[in-house]
Amino acid sequence: MPAGAVGRVPILGMGGIASGRDALEFVLAGASGVAVGTALFNDPSAPLGIRDDLRAALAVHGIGAFEDAIGRAHRTV
């Protein structure tokens, strides 16, 4: 079970993931993982690009680890 899902039901973000920003939005909303589907038809290496874009997006937002982003949109500051 992914680190962010310990003690909770893991959520998989699916549907429309074509960029790191798409993946980040799902993760911030609570997904502990994302699935890439249709984007593979146009580019079989899409998951690698999405992963790299996601890493960059996390860095831009000052989020050091993927696990720290899970559900962040629902946390109070």
C-alpha atoms as a PDB file:
ATOM      1  CA  MET A   1       0.000   0.000   0.000  1.00  0.00           C
ATOM      2  CA  PRO A   2       1.445   3.456  -0.894  1.00  0.00           C
ATOM      3  CA  ALA A   3       2.757   5.493   2.029  1.00  0.00           C
ATOM      4  CA  GLY A   4       0.000   8.110   1.734  1.00  0.00           C
ATOM      5  CA  ALA A   5      -2.710   5.479   1.938  1.00  0.00           C
ATOM      6  CA  VAL A   6      -1.701   3.850   5.222  1.00  0.00           C
ATOM      7  CA  GLY A   7      -4.820   3.364   7.301  1.00  0.00           C
ATOM      8  CA  ARG A   8      -7.046   4.506   4.447  1.00  0.00           C
ATOM      9  CA  VAL A   9      -8.375   3.069   1.228  1.00  0.00           C
ATOM     10  CA  PRO A  10      -5.942   3.908  -1.595  1.00  0.00           C
ATOM     11  CA  ILE A  11      -7.422   6.076  -4.336  1.00  0.00           C
ATOM     12  CA  LEU A  12      -6.311   5.681  -7.952  1.00  0.00           C
ATOM     13  CA  GLY A  13      -6.696   8.745 -10.158  1.00  0.00           C
ATOM     14  CA  MET A  14      -7.921   7.715 -13.601  1.00  0.00           C
ATOM     15  CA  GLY A  15      -9.224   9.460 -16.670  1.00  0.00           C
ATOM     16  CA  GLY A  16      -7.564  12.228 -18.629  1.00  0.00           C
ATOM     17  CA  ILE A  17      -4.028  11.935 -17.279  1.00  0.00           C
ATOM     18  CA  ALA A  18      -1.866  13.269 -20.112  1.00  0.00           C
ATOM     19  CA  SER A  19       0.594  15.535 -18.280  1.00  0.00           C
ATOM     20  CA  GLY A  20       2.356  15.969 -14.989  1.00  0.00           C
ATOM     21  CA  ARG A  21      -0.076  18.745 -14.123  1.00  0.00           C
ATOM     22  CA  ASP A  22      -3.023  16.379 -14.649  1.00  0.00           C
ATOM     23  CA  ALA A  23      -1.369  13.830 -12.363  1.00  0.00           C
ATOM     24  CA  LEU A  24      -0.612  16.484  -9.742  1.00  0.00           C
ATOM     25  CA  GLU A  25      -4.253  17.607  -9.656  1.00  0.00           C
ATOM     26  CA  PHE A  26      -5.414  14.053  -8.955  1.00  0.00           C
ATOM     27  CA  VAL A  27      -2.760  13.563  -6.268  1.00  0.00           C
ATOM     28  CA  LEU A  28      -3.557  16.873  -4.555  1.00  0.00           C
ATOM     29  CA  ALA A  29      -7.200  15.773  -4.522  1.00  0.00           C
ATOM     30  CA  GLY A  30      -6.258  12.559  -2.719  1.00  0.00           C
ATOM     31  CA  ALA A  31      -5.069   9.965  -5.226  1.00  0.00           C
ATOM     32  CA  SER A  32      -2.147   7.883  -4.014  1.00  0.00           C
ATOM     33  CA  GLY A  33      -1.475   6.757  -7.590  1.00  0.00           C
ATOM     34  CA  VAL A  34      -2.530   7.619 -11.134  1.00  0.00           C
ATOM     35  CA  ALA A  35      -3.243   5.538 -14.219  1.00  0.00           C
ATOM     36  CA  VAL A  36      -2.250   6.542 -17.723  1.00  0.00           C
ATOM     37  CA  GLY A  37      -4.396   5.059 -20.465  1.00  0.00           C
ATOM     38  CA  THR A  38      -5.393   6.818 -23.662  1.00  0.00           C
ATOM     39  CA  ALA A  39      -2.220   8.928 -23.733  1.00  0.00           C
ATOM     40  CA  LEU A  40      -0.369   5.676 -24.485  1.00  0.00           C
ATOM     41  CA  PHE A  41      -2.055   5.434 -27.894  1.00  0.00           C
ATOM     42  CA  ASN A  42      -0.309   8.607 -29.055  1.00  0.00           C
ATOM     43  CA  ASP A  43       2.950   8.087 -27.167  1.00  0.00           C
ATOM     44  CA  PRO A  44       3.985   4.760 -25.645  1.00  0.00           C
ATOM     45  CA  SER A  45       6.544   6.596 -23.493  1.00  0.00           C
ATOM     46  CA  ALA A  46       3.901   8.984 -22.067  1.00  0.00           C
ATOM     47  CA  PRO A  47       4.162   7.615 -18.494  1.00  0.00           C
ATOM     48  CA  LEU A  48       7.856   8.531 -18.363  1.00  0.00           C
ATOM     49  CA  GLY A  49       7.184  12.096 -19.494  1.00  0.00           C
ATOM     50  CA  ILE A  50       4.279  12.417 -17.071  1.00  0.00           C
ATOM     51  CA  ARG A  51       6.486  11.155 -14.244  1.00  0.00           C
ATOM     52  CA  ASP A  52       9.190  13.690 -15.079  1.00  0.00           C
ATOM     53  CA  ASP A  53       6.656  16.527 -15.409  1.00  0.00           C
ATOM     54  CA  LEU A  54       5.101  15.514 -12.075  1.00  0.00           C
ATOM     55  CA  ARG A  55       8.495  15.643 -10.365  1.00  0.00           C
ATOM     56  CA  ALA A  56       9.072  19.123 -11.773  1.00  0.00           C
ATOM     57  CA  ALA A  57       5.583  20.289 -10.733  1.00  0.00           C
ATOM     58  CA  LEU A  58       6.141  19.035  -7.183  1.00  0.00           C
ATOM     59  CA  ALA A  59       9.414  20.973  -7.027  1.00  0.00           C
ATOM     60  CA  VAL A  60       7.796  24.157  -8.370  1.00  0.00           C
ATOM     61  CA  HIS A  61       5.178  23.952  -5.618  1.00  0.00           C
ATOM     62  CA  GLY A  62       7.805  23.284  -2.952  1.00  0.00           C
ATOM     63  CA  ILE A  63       6.622  19.741  -2.284  1.00  0.00           C
ATOM     64  CA  GLY A  64       9.617  17.581  -1.480  1.00  0.00           C
ATOM     65  CA  ALA A  65       8.069  14.119  -1.709  1.00  0.00           C
ATOM     66  CA  PHE A  66       5.201  12.577  -3.651  1.00  0.00           C
ATOM     67  CA  GLU A  67       3.629  11.312  -0.424  1.00  0.00           C
ATOM     68  CA  ASP A  68       3.476  14.876   0.917  1.00  0.00           C
ATOM     69  CA  ALA A  69       1.269  15.906  -2.007  1.00  0.00           C
ATOM     70  CA  ILE A  70      -1.413  13.251  -1.481  1.00  0.00           C
ATOM     71  CA  GLY A  71      -4.615  14.983  -0.391  1.00  0.00           C
ATOM     72  CA  ARG A  72      -2.858  18.302   0.152  1.00  0.00           C
ATOM     73  CA  ALA A  73      -5.766  20.228  -1.367  1.00  0.00           C
ATOM     74  CA  HIS A  74      -7.934  19.113   1.549  1.00  0.00           C
ATOM     75  CA  ARG A  75      -5.564  20.096   4.356  1.00  0.00           C
ATOM     76  CA  THR A  76      -5.975  23.273   6.324  1.00  0.00           C
ATOM     77  CA  VAL A  77      -2.988  25.559   6.586  1.00  0.00           C
END
